[in-house]
């Protein structure tokens, strides 16, 4: 490396150091306004949006979309959209619920997204959700068949008028959002890695510290460190994989006075979560 090149490298490293130090001081001083009423500045929003779109496009390449949706799948997609999506994204002639109007960034216009994105890209975003937005991951809520039905219906939104929406919703039985859940077939073996993700997706980290699961530190419940070495669950249930699955699925049935709520954990997800928790010795 020549002397000039070394000077350029040192200058670049120095500039980077100044930026990092300045950013740290800005954050430590509370300078960044985290209020939802304060939008990102345009360059930050543009960067986040560009990174998000490129990330989705890259990961959706490996997903093969079904050739076409059946009428039954579109009907199912309509029911799922009405149960889970209209609250934030609205529908033709239907506004999002009041809480969603205050989200930052604002929920996407799905009629536009259906024109811009491929079915595989829509499916990926619905299944895995998006960080730094209010878009949740539906991987642990709906089966792939239901996710594809929902994807297909989102593709129909751009062709629906308000009258079409009202007519089609009125023709379909409404689904209770808490009950409108589904799951894929049960694999032969539990997946501890998937269970680690499920523990975060079911908000277990809002009450428990869990080794290896990064989240906000809110230890209102006991730490799950060393859970596999404990003799009892909730102080009453012998600690075994089968009992742990039962506890994760129906804690109120096992211990009605427990503060742990029922989270509608599927059998598969509970098995995977128990498999990961079984590694915490």
Protein backbone atom coordinates (compact mmCIF):
# COMPACT_ATOMS: atom_id res chain seq x y z
CA UNK A 1 0.00 0.00 0.00
CA UNK A 2 1.38 3.40 -0.97
CA UNK A 3 1.74 6.33 1.44
CA UNK A 4 -1.18 8.09 -0.24
CA UNK A 5 -3.40 5.03 0.12
CA UNK A 6 -2.49 4.72 3.80
CA UNK A 7 -3.42 8.38 4.34
CA UNK A 8 -6.76 7.84 2.59
CA UNK A 9 -7.52 4.80 4.75
CA UNK A 10 -6.56 6.63 7.95
CA UNK A 11 -8.70 9.60 6.93
CA UNK A 12 -11.68 7.36 6.19
CA UNK A 13 -11.31 5.54 9.52
CA UNK A 14 -11.04 8.85 11.36
CA UNK A 15 -14.18 10.17 9.66
CA UNK A 16 -16.02 6.95 10.52
CA UNK A 17 -14.89 7.27 14.13
CA UNK A 18 -16.19 10.83 14.30
CA UNK A 19 -19.56 9.74 12.88
CA UNK A 20 -19.87 6.85 15.36
CA UNK A 21 -18.86 9.05 18.28
CA UNK A 22 -21.25 11.78 17.18
CA UNK A 23 -24.08 9.28 16.83
CA UNK A 24 -23.36 7.84 20.28
CA UNK A 25 -23.37 11.29 21.88
CA UNK A 26 -26.59 12.17 20.02
CA UNK A 27 -28.27 9.00 21.33
CA UNK A 28 -26.89 9.36 24.87
CA UNK A 29 -28.13 12.93 25.02
CA UNK A 30 -31.64 11.88 24.04
CA UNK A 31 -31.44 13.92 20.86
CA UNK A 32 -33.32 11.45 18.68
CA UNK A 33 -37.07 11.92 19.02
CA UNK A 34 -38.69 8.47 19.29
CA UNK A 35 -42.26 9.80 19.43
CA UNK A 36 -44.61 8.22 16.90
CA UNK A 37 -45.82 11.72 16.08
CA UNK A 38 -42.34 12.53 14.74
CA UNK A 39 -41.77 10.98 11.32
CA UNK A 40 -38.36 9.80 10.19
CA UNK A 41 -36.52 12.43 8.20
CA UNK A 42 -36.76 11.78 4.47
CA UNK A 43 -33.24 10.31 3.97
CA UNK A 44 -33.69 7.89 6.90
CA UNK A 45 -37.11 6.78 5.65
CA UNK A 46 -35.79 6.34 2.11
CA UNK A 47 -32.86 4.24 3.33
CA UNK A 48 -35.05 2.01 5.51
CA UNK A 49 -37.62 1.57 2.74
CA UNK A 50 -34.95 0.74 0.14
CA UNK A 51 -33.26 -1.76 2.46
CA UNK A 52 -36.62 -3.37 3.22
CA UNK A 53 -37.60 -3.76 -0.43
CA UNK A 54 -34.21 -5.22 -1.39
CA UNK A 55 -34.31 -7.62 1.55
CA UNK A 56 -37.75 -8.90 0.60
CA UNK A 57 -36.84 -9.26 -3.07
CA UNK A 58 -33.70 -11.27 -2.24
CA UNK A 59 -35.41 -13.69 0.14
CA UNK A 60 -38.57 -14.16 -1.90
CA UNK A 61 -36.61 -15.54 -4.86
CA UNK A 62 -36.60 -19.00 -3.34
CA UNK A 63 -40.40 -19.09 -2.91
CA UNK A 64 -42.51 -20.66 -5.65
CA UNK A 65 -45.99 -19.16 -5.79
CA UNK A 66 -49.00 -21.34 -6.70
CA UNK A 67 -50.09 -20.95 -10.30
CA UNK A 68 -53.52 -19.55 -9.41
CA UNK A 69 -55.92 -19.28 -6.48
CA UNK A 70 -59.18 -21.20 -6.40
CA UNK A 71 -62.46 -19.42 -5.59
CA UNK A 72 -62.46 -21.23 -2.24
CA UNK A 73 -58.97 -19.91 -1.45
CA UNK A 74 -60.03 -16.34 -2.31
CA UNK A 75 -63.06 -16.66 -0.03
CA UNK A 76 -60.80 -17.91 2.77
CA UNK A 77 -58.40 -15.05 2.07
CA UNK A 78 -61.25 -12.55 2.36
CA UNK A 79 -62.26 -13.99 5.74
CA UNK A 80 -58.68 -13.88 7.02
CA UNK A 81 -58.16 -10.34 5.74
CA UNK A 82 -61.34 -9.17 7.50
CA UNK A 83 -60.27 -10.93 10.72
CA UNK A 84 -56.60 -9.93 10.83
CA UNK A 85 -55.66 -7.19 8.35
CA UNK A 86 -58.39 -4.61 7.89
CA UNK A 87 -57.74 -3.24 11.39
CA UNK A 88 -54.42 -1.73 10.24
CA UNK A 89 -54.59 -1.64 6.46
CA UNK A 90 -58.25 -0.83 5.93
CA UNK A 91 -60.16 -1.95 2.84
CA UNK A 92 -61.96 -0.25 -0.07
CA UNK A 93 -64.08 2.43 1.60
CA UNK A 94 -63.04 1.20 5.08
CA UNK A 95 -60.57 3.10 7.25
CA UNK A 96 -58.14 1.37 9.62
CA UNK A 97 -59.15 1.30 13.27
CA UNK A 98 -58.23 4.42 15.30
CA UNK A 99 -55.16 2.87 16.93
CA UNK A 100 -53.63 2.14 13.51
CA UNK A 101 -53.93 5.77 12.44
CA UNK A 102 -51.17 6.62 14.90
CA UNK A 103 -48.64 4.04 13.72
CA UNK A 104 -45.24 5.24 12.47
CA UNK A 105 -44.41 4.35 9.76
CA UNK A 106 -47.96 4.21 8.45
CA UNK A 107 -49.33 0.79 7.39
CA UNK A 108 -48.81 0.14 3.68
CA UNK A 109 -51.51 0.63 1.08
CA UNK A 110 -51.95 -3.01 0.09
CA UNK A 111 -53.79 -2.26 -3.14
CA UNK A 112 -50.64 -0.47 -4.29
CA UNK A 113 -48.31 -3.16 -2.92
CA UNK A 114 -50.26 -5.80 -4.87
CA UNK A 115 -49.39 -3.96 -8.08
CA UNK A 116 -45.73 -3.43 -7.14
CA UNK A 117 -44.84 -6.82 -5.64
CA UNK A 118 -44.89 -10.39 -6.84
CA UNK A 119 -47.05 -12.93 -5.00
CA UNK A 120 -43.88 -14.49 -3.56
CA UNK A 121 -42.78 -11.12 -2.17
CA UNK A 122 -46.20 -10.46 -0.63
CA UNK A 123 -46.23 -13.96 0.87
CA UNK A 124 -42.76 -13.47 2.39
CA UNK A 125 -43.71 -10.12 3.97
CA UNK A 126 -46.94 -11.54 5.42
CA UNK A 127 -45.29 -14.70 6.73
CA UNK A 128 -42.18 -13.18 8.28
CA UNK A 129 -43.28 -9.61 9.04
CA UNK A 130 -41.09 -6.50 8.92
CA UNK A 131 -38.76 -5.14 11.58
CA UNK A 132 -39.09 -1.49 12.62
CA UNK A 133 -42.75 -1.44 11.52
CA UNK A 134 -45.96 -2.65 13.11
CA UNK A 135 -46.21 -5.50 10.55
CA UNK A 136 -46.22 -8.77 12.51
CA UNK A 137 -45.02 -12.16 11.36
CA UNK A 138 -47.88 -14.56 10.67
CA UNK A 139 -45.69 -17.67 10.41
CA UNK A 140 -46.76 -18.79 13.88
CA UNK A 141 -50.41 -17.82 13.40
CA UNK A 142 -51.46 -19.22 10.03
CA UNK A 143 -50.63 -22.25 7.91
CA UNK A 144 -48.89 -21.79 4.59
CA UNK A 145 -52.16 -22.66 2.83
CA UNK A 146 -53.93 -19.83 4.64
CA UNK A 147 -51.00 -17.48 4.01
CA UNK A 148 -51.25 -18.16 0.29
CA UNK A 149 -55.02 -17.63 0.42
CA UNK A 150 -54.45 -14.29 2.15
CA UNK A 151 -51.76 -13.38 -0.39
CA UNK A 152 -54.14 -14.16 -3.24
CA UNK A 153 -56.86 -11.98 -1.75
CA UNK A 154 -54.45 -9.06 -1.25
CA UNK A 155 -53.80 -9.33 -4.98
CA UNK A 156 -57.54 -8.85 -5.55
CA UNK A 157 -57.80 -5.64 -3.48
CA UNK A 158 -56.80 -3.37 -6.36
CA UNK A 159 -59.84 -4.59 -8.32
CA UNK A 160 -62.43 -4.18 -5.55
CA UNK A 161 -64.72 -1.19 -5.18
CA UNK A 162 -66.24 -0.24 -1.81
CA UNK A 163 -69.48 -1.84 -2.96
CA UNK A 164 -67.64 -5.05 -3.88
CA UNK A 165 -66.00 -5.17 -0.44
CA UNK A 166 -69.26 -4.67 1.45
CA UNK A 167 -71.10 -7.23 -0.66
CA UNK A 168 -68.42 -9.91 -0.36
CA UNK A 169 -67.89 -9.39 3.37
CA UNK A 170 -71.62 -9.61 4.00
CA UNK A 171 -71.75 -12.90 2.10
CA UNK A 172 -69.05 -14.56 4.25
CA UNK A 173 -69.36 -15.63 7.90
CA UNK A 174 -67.17 -13.49 10.13
CA UNK A 175 -64.22 -15.13 11.88
CA UNK A 176 -63.23 -14.42 15.46
CA UNK A 177 -59.64 -13.09 15.12
CA UNK A 178 -58.50 -15.11 18.16
CA UNK A 179 -59.95 -18.27 16.65
CA UNK A 180 -59.09 -17.63 12.99
CA UNK A 181 -55.74 -19.33 13.37
CA UNK A 182 -54.35 -22.40 11.65
CA UNK A 183 -51.21 -24.52 11.62
CA UNK A 184 -49.22 -26.64 9.21
CA UNK A 185 -48.89 -30.39 9.61
CA UNK A 186 -46.94 -31.61 12.63
CA UNK A 187 -43.33 -32.54 11.75
CA UNK A 188 -41.98 -35.81 13.09
CA UNK A 189 -39.46 -34.07 15.34
CA UNK A 190 -39.52 -30.89 17.34
CA UNK A 191 -37.28 -28.04 16.12
CA UNK A 192 -35.45 -26.24 18.94
CA UNK A 193 -34.19 -23.47 16.64
CA UNK A 194 -37.73 -22.73 15.51
CA UNK A 195 -38.85 -22.88 19.12
CA UNK A 196 -36.37 -20.16 20.02
CA UNK A 197 -38.01 -17.87 17.45
CA UNK A 198 -41.48 -18.90 18.64
CA UNK A 199 -40.69 -17.80 22.20
CA UNK A 200 -40.11 -14.29 20.91
CA UNK A 201 -43.11 -14.40 18.55
CA UNK A 202 -45.46 -15.37 21.39
CA UNK A 203 -44.12 -12.44 23.47
CA UNK A 204 -42.68 -14.69 26.16
CA UNK A 205 -39.84 -12.17 26.44
CA UNK A 206 -42.22 -9.45 27.64
CA UNK A 207 -42.26 -11.22 31.02
CA UNK A 208 -39.28 -13.59 31.09
CA UNK A 209 -35.55 -13.31 30.54
CA UNK A 210 -34.65 -16.15 28.16
CA UNK A 211 -31.00 -16.97 27.45
CA UNK A 212 -30.22 -16.52 23.76
CA UNK A 213 -33.43 -14.62 22.96
CA UNK A 214 -32.78 -10.90 22.47
CA UNK A 215 -35.57 -8.60 23.57
CA UNK A 216 -36.43 -5.79 25.96
CA UNK A 217 -35.51 -6.52 29.57
CA UNK A 218 -38.89 -6.86 31.30
CA UNK A 219 -38.37 -9.49 34.02
CA UNK A 220 -41.82 -9.35 35.60
CA UNK A 221 -41.83 -13.15 35.61
CA UNK A 222 -39.10 -15.61 36.59
CA UNK A 223 -36.08 -16.08 34.36
CA UNK A 224 -36.21 -19.21 32.23
CA UNK A 225 -32.47 -19.80 32.58
CA UNK A 226 -31.90 -23.35 33.76
CA UNK A 227 -35.53 -24.32 33.21
CA UNK A 228 -34.62 -27.80 32.03
CA UNK A 229 -32.94 -28.50 35.39
CA UNK A 230 -35.95 -27.58 37.52
CA UNK A 231 -38.11 -30.22 39.14
CA UNK A 232 -41.44 -28.47 38.72
CA UNK A 233 -43.23 -26.06 36.37
CA UNK A 234 -45.15 -23.24 38.05
CA UNK A 235 -44.29 -24.97 41.33
CA UNK A 236 -46.91 -27.68 40.85
CA UNK A 237 -46.38 -29.62 37.60
CA UNK A 238 -43.54 -32.19 37.31
CA UNK A 239 -41.09 -30.91 34.70
CA UNK A 240 -41.24 -33.15 31.65
CA UNK A 241 -41.41 -32.37 27.91
CA UNK A 242 -45.06 -33.44 27.79
CA UNK A 243 -46.03 -31.34 30.79
CA UNK A 244 -44.12 -28.35 29.44
CA UNK A 245 -46.09 -28.55 26.20
CA UNK A 246 -49.33 -28.72 28.19
CA UNK A 247 -48.26 -25.73 30.30
CA UNK A 248 -47.34 -23.62 27.27
CA UNK A 249 -50.65 -24.35 25.57
CA UNK A 250 -53.01 -23.95 28.55
CA UNK A 251 -51.36 -22.37 31.58
CA UNK A 252 -54.68 -21.23 33.03
CA UNK A 253 -56.00 -24.77 32.97
CA UNK A 254 -52.96 -26.03 34.85
CA UNK A 255 -52.76 -23.14 37.33
CA UNK A 256 -55.84 -20.86 37.24
CA UNK A 257 -54.25 -18.38 39.65
CA UNK A 258 -51.17 -17.93 37.47
CA UNK A 259 -50.63 -14.57 35.78
CA UNK A 260 -49.48 -16.37 32.62
CA UNK A 261 -52.24 -16.05 30.00
CA UNK A 262 -53.34 -18.48 27.33
CA UNK A 263 -51.58 -17.39 24.13
CA UNK A 264 -53.29 -19.76 21.67
CA UNK A 265 -50.03 -21.67 21.21
CA UNK A 266 -50.41 -24.45 18.66
CA UNK A 267 -49.30 -27.99 19.40
CA UNK A 268 -46.42 -27.73 16.96
CA UNK A 269 -45.21 -24.41 18.32
CA UNK A 270 -45.44 -25.64 21.91
CA UNK A 271 -43.36 -28.71 21.04
CA UNK A 272 -40.71 -26.56 19.38
CA UNK A 273 -40.66 -24.10 22.28
CA UNK A 274 -40.36 -26.96 24.76
CA UNK A 275 -37.47 -28.40 22.73
CA UNK A 276 -35.55 -25.12 23.02
CA UNK A 277 -36.38 -24.66 26.68
CA UNK A 278 -35.11 -28.20 27.22
CA UNK A 279 -31.63 -26.99 26.25
CA UNK A 280 -31.54 -24.41 29.07
CA UNK A 281 -29.69 -26.28 31.77
